């Protein structure tokens, strides 16, 4: 992963992140980064998110909404499975 110092129009400073590697590894890294951003800025990615199931053959990502108790169970004690 590399940061690219490039500013585009928008609110506040921003950087682009470039992720290299196989598709599955890139997606895992992307989700890890998204989780870190979401921890520091709650709602950045999750505000207005809806469930989505993909019809694409091969590798893709589905989204499911969790209830609060399901979320805490899936994250584990103190977020150890994050």
N, C-alpha and C. Protein backbone atom coordinates (compact mmCIF):
# COMPACT_ATOMS: atom_id res chain seq x y z
N UNK A 1 0.84 -1.16 0.00
CA UNK A 1 0.00 0.00 0.00
C UNK A 1 0.89 1.23 0.00
N UNK A 2 0.48 2.21 -0.74
CA UNK A 2 1.19 3.47 -0.80
C UNK A 2 0.20 4.62 -0.72
N UNK A 3 0.60 5.70 -0.08
CA UNK A 3 -0.20 6.92 -0.10
C UNK A 3 0.28 7.79 -1.24
N UNK A 4 -0.65 8.40 -1.91
CA UNK A 4 -0.33 9.28 -3.03
C UNK A 4 -0.79 10.67 -2.65
N UNK A 5 0.13 11.61 -2.56
CA UNK A 5 -0.20 12.98 -2.16
C UNK A 5 -0.88 13.71 -3.30
N UNK A 6 -2.17 13.61 -3.35
CA UNK A 6 -2.94 14.27 -4.40
C UNK A 6 -4.20 14.83 -3.78
N UNK A 7 -4.39 16.11 -3.93
CA UNK A 7 -5.59 16.74 -3.39
C UNK A 7 -6.58 16.97 -4.51
N UNK A 8 -7.82 16.64 -4.23
CA UNK A 8 -8.90 16.92 -5.17
C UNK A 8 -9.93 17.74 -4.42
N UNK A 9 -10.81 18.37 -5.15
CA UNK A 9 -11.85 19.19 -4.52
C UNK A 9 -12.61 18.40 -3.48
N UNK A 10 -12.94 19.03 -2.41
CA UNK A 10 -13.68 18.35 -1.35
C UNK A 10 -13.44 19.04 -0.02
N UNK A 11 -13.98 18.46 1.03
CA UNK A 11 -13.84 19.04 2.36
C UNK A 11 -12.58 18.52 3.02
N UNK A 12 -11.74 19.39 3.45
CA UNK A 12 -10.55 19.02 4.22
C UNK A 12 -9.49 18.31 3.42
N UNK A 13 -8.38 18.05 4.07
CA UNK A 13 -7.27 17.37 3.39
C UNK A 13 -7.60 15.91 3.12
N UNK A 14 -7.08 15.39 2.05
CA UNK A 14 -7.29 13.97 1.74
C UNK A 14 -6.08 13.43 0.97
N UNK A 15 -5.92 12.14 1.03
CA UNK A 15 -4.86 11.45 0.30
C UNK A 15 -5.47 10.24 -0.38
N UNK A 16 -4.90 9.85 -1.50
CA UNK A 16 -5.33 8.62 -2.16
C UNK A 16 -4.44 7.49 -1.68
N UNK A 17 -5.04 6.33 -1.51
CA UNK A 17 -4.31 5.14 -1.09
C UNK A 17 -4.30 4.17 -2.26
N UNK A 18 -3.13 3.70 -2.62
CA UNK A 18 -2.98 2.75 -3.71
C UNK A 18 -2.67 1.38 -3.11
N UNK A 19 -3.46 0.38 -3.49
CA UNK A 19 -3.30 -0.97 -2.95
C UNK A 19 -2.97 -1.92 -4.10
N UNK A 20 -1.86 -2.63 -3.98
CA UNK A 20 -1.42 -3.57 -5.00
C UNK A 20 -1.62 -5.01 -4.52
N UNK A 21 -1.66 -5.96 -5.45
CA UNK A 21 -1.72 -7.37 -5.11
C UNK A 21 -2.90 -8.06 -5.75
N UNK A 22 -3.10 -9.33 -5.38
CA UNK A 22 -4.24 -10.08 -5.92
C UNK A 22 -5.57 -9.46 -5.47
N UNK A 23 -6.61 -9.69 -6.24
CA UNK A 23 -7.91 -9.07 -5.99
C UNK A 23 -8.43 -9.32 -4.58
N UNK A 24 -8.35 -10.56 -4.12
CA UNK A 24 -8.87 -10.90 -2.79
C UNK A 24 -8.08 -10.17 -1.69
N UNK A 25 -6.77 -10.09 -1.84
CA UNK A 25 -5.94 -9.39 -0.85
C UNK A 25 -6.19 -7.89 -0.88
N UNK A 26 -6.38 -7.34 -2.07
CA UNK A 26 -6.69 -5.90 -2.18
C UNK A 26 -8.00 -5.57 -1.49
N UNK A 27 -9.01 -6.42 -1.68
CA UNK A 27 -10.31 -6.17 -1.05
C UNK A 27 -10.20 -6.28 0.47
N UNK A 28 -9.43 -7.25 0.96
CA UNK A 28 -9.22 -7.38 2.40
C UNK A 28 -8.55 -6.14 2.97
N UNK A 29 -7.53 -5.62 2.28
CA UNK A 29 -6.85 -4.41 2.73
C UNK A 29 -7.80 -3.21 2.68
N UNK A 30 -8.62 -3.14 1.64
CA UNK A 30 -9.58 -2.05 1.51
C UNK A 30 -10.57 -2.07 2.68
N UNK A 31 -11.09 -3.24 3.03
CA UNK A 31 -12.02 -3.35 4.15
C UNK A 31 -11.36 -3.00 5.47
N UNK A 32 -10.10 -3.37 5.63
CA UNK A 32 -9.36 -3.04 6.85
C UNK A 32 -9.19 -1.52 6.99
N UNK A 33 -8.85 -0.86 5.89
CA UNK A 33 -8.70 0.60 5.90
C UNK A 33 -10.06 1.26 6.17
N UNK A 34 -11.11 0.75 5.51
CA UNK A 34 -12.45 1.31 5.73
C UNK A 34 -12.87 1.18 7.19
N UNK A 35 -12.52 0.06 7.82
CA UNK A 35 -12.84 -0.15 9.23
C UNK A 35 -12.12 0.88 10.11
N UNK A 36 -10.86 1.13 9.81
CA UNK A 36 -10.10 2.13 10.57
C UNK A 36 -10.67 3.53 10.41
N UNK A 37 -11.05 3.89 9.19
CA UNK A 37 -11.65 5.21 8.95
C UNK A 37 -12.99 5.31 9.67
N UNK A 38 -13.76 4.24 9.61
CA UNK A 38 -15.08 4.23 10.26
C UNK A 38 -14.95 4.37 11.78
N UNK A 39 -13.89 3.80 12.36
CA UNK A 39 -13.67 3.94 13.81
C UNK A 39 -13.37 5.40 14.17
N UNK A 40 -12.57 6.05 13.34
CA UNK A 40 -12.17 7.44 13.64
C UNK A 40 -13.24 8.45 13.25
N UNK A 41 -14.05 8.10 12.25
CA UNK A 41 -15.09 9.01 11.77
C UNK A 41 -16.37 8.20 11.55
N UNK A 42 -17.10 7.88 12.64
CA UNK A 42 -18.29 7.03 12.53
C UNK A 42 -19.29 7.56 11.50
N UNK A 43 -19.78 6.66 10.66
CA UNK A 43 -20.76 7.02 9.65
C UNK A 43 -20.17 7.38 8.31
N UNK A 44 -18.85 7.48 8.20
CA UNK A 44 -18.22 7.88 6.94
C UNK A 44 -18.59 6.94 5.81
N UNK A 45 -18.53 5.63 6.06
CA UNK A 45 -18.90 4.64 5.05
C UNK A 45 -20.28 4.03 5.30
N UNK A 46 -20.74 4.03 6.55
CA UNK A 46 -21.96 3.30 6.89
C UNK A 46 -23.23 4.13 6.85
N UNK A 47 -23.13 5.43 6.80
CA UNK A 47 -24.31 6.28 6.77
C UNK A 47 -25.08 6.02 5.47
N UNK A 48 -26.33 5.59 5.59
CA UNK A 48 -27.17 5.37 4.44
C UNK A 48 -26.90 4.08 3.68
N UNK A 49 -26.12 3.17 4.25
CA UNK A 49 -25.82 1.91 3.57
C UNK A 49 -27.05 1.00 3.59
N UNK A 50 -27.23 0.24 2.51
CA UNK A 50 -28.34 -0.70 2.40
C UNK A 50 -27.79 -2.09 2.09
N UNK A 51 -28.65 -3.08 2.30
CA UNK A 51 -28.23 -4.45 1.97
C UNK A 51 -28.08 -4.59 0.46
N UNK A 52 -27.12 -5.43 0.06
CA UNK A 52 -26.86 -5.66 -1.36
C UNK A 52 -26.34 -7.07 -1.53
N UNK A 53 -26.96 -7.81 -2.42
CA UNK A 53 -26.49 -9.15 -2.76
C UNK A 53 -26.10 -9.14 -4.23
N UNK A 54 -24.92 -9.64 -4.51
CA UNK A 54 -24.38 -9.61 -5.87
C UNK A 54 -24.81 -10.83 -6.67
N UNK A 55 -25.03 -10.62 -7.96
CA UNK A 55 -25.32 -11.72 -8.89
C UNK A 55 -24.10 -12.08 -9.72
N UNK A 56 -22.98 -11.42 -9.46
CA UNK A 56 -21.76 -11.62 -10.25
C UNK A 56 -21.16 -12.98 -9.93
N UNK A 57 -20.74 -13.71 -10.96
CA UNK A 57 -20.04 -14.98 -10.74
C UNK A 57 -18.60 -14.66 -10.35
N UNK A 58 -18.04 -15.47 -9.47
CA UNK A 58 -16.66 -15.24 -9.05
C UNK A 58 -16.60 -14.43 -7.77
N UNK A 59 -15.62 -13.58 -7.67
CA UNK A 59 -15.35 -12.82 -6.45
C UNK A 59 -16.15 -11.51 -6.43
N UNK A 60 -16.88 -11.27 -5.35
CA UNK A 60 -17.60 -10.01 -5.16
C UNK A 60 -17.92 -9.87 -3.69
N UNK A 61 -18.55 -8.77 -3.32
CA UNK A 61 -18.85 -8.48 -1.93
C UNK A 61 -20.35 -8.25 -1.76
N UNK A 62 -20.94 -8.89 -0.74
CA UNK A 62 -22.33 -8.66 -0.38
C UNK A 62 -22.37 -7.84 0.90
N UNK A 63 -23.46 -7.11 1.10
CA UNK A 63 -23.63 -6.32 2.33
C UNK A 63 -24.87 -6.80 3.06
N UNK A 64 -24.73 -7.00 4.37
CA UNK A 64 -25.84 -7.38 5.23
C UNK A 64 -25.86 -6.42 6.41
N UNK A 65 -27.05 -5.99 6.81
CA UNK A 65 -27.17 -5.11 7.97
C UNK A 65 -27.29 -5.97 9.23
N UNK A 66 -26.51 -5.62 10.25
CA UNK A 66 -26.54 -6.33 11.52
C UNK A 66 -27.32 -5.52 12.54
N UNK A 67 -28.01 -6.25 13.44
CA UNK A 67 -28.58 -5.60 14.62
C UNK A 67 -27.44 -5.38 15.60
N UNK A 68 -27.65 -4.54 16.60
CA UNK A 68 -26.58 -4.22 17.55
C UNK A 68 -26.00 -5.46 18.22
N UNK A 69 -26.85 -6.38 18.66
CA UNK A 69 -26.33 -7.58 19.34
C UNK A 69 -25.57 -8.49 18.38
N UNK A 70 -26.00 -8.54 17.11
CA UNK A 70 -25.28 -9.34 16.11
C UNK A 70 -23.92 -8.73 15.80
N UNK A 71 -23.87 -7.41 15.76
CA UNK A 71 -22.61 -6.72 15.48
C UNK A 71 -21.59 -6.95 16.58
N UNK A 72 -22.01 -6.80 17.83
CA UNK A 72 -21.08 -7.00 18.94
C UNK A 72 -20.60 -8.45 18.98
N UNK A 73 -21.48 -9.40 18.66
CA UNK A 73 -21.08 -10.81 18.63
C UNK A 73 -20.07 -11.07 17.52
N UNK A 74 -20.30 -10.49 16.35
CA UNK A 74 -19.40 -10.74 15.20
C UNK A 74 -18.03 -10.10 15.39
N UNK A 75 -17.97 -8.98 16.11
CA UNK A 75 -16.68 -8.31 16.35
C UNK A 75 -15.88 -8.99 17.45
N UNK A 76 -16.54 -9.73 18.31
CA UNK A 76 -15.84 -10.43 19.39
C UNK A 76 -15.54 -9.51 20.56
N UNK A 77 -14.93 -10.10 21.57
CA UNK A 77 -14.62 -9.35 22.79
C UNK A 77 -13.61 -8.24 22.47
N UNK A 78 -13.97 -7.01 22.76
CA UNK A 78 -13.15 -5.83 22.52
C UNK A 78 -12.69 -5.70 21.06
N UNK A 79 -13.53 -6.18 20.14
CA UNK A 79 -13.23 -6.04 18.71
C UNK A 79 -12.05 -6.87 18.22
N UNK A 80 -11.80 -8.01 18.87
CA UNK A 80 -10.61 -8.80 18.53
C UNK A 80 -10.67 -9.41 17.13
N UNK A 81 -11.86 -9.59 16.56
CA UNK A 81 -11.95 -10.19 15.23
C UNK A 81 -12.04 -9.14 14.13
N UNK A 82 -11.86 -7.88 14.47
CA UNK A 82 -11.95 -6.79 13.48
C UNK A 82 -10.88 -6.95 12.44
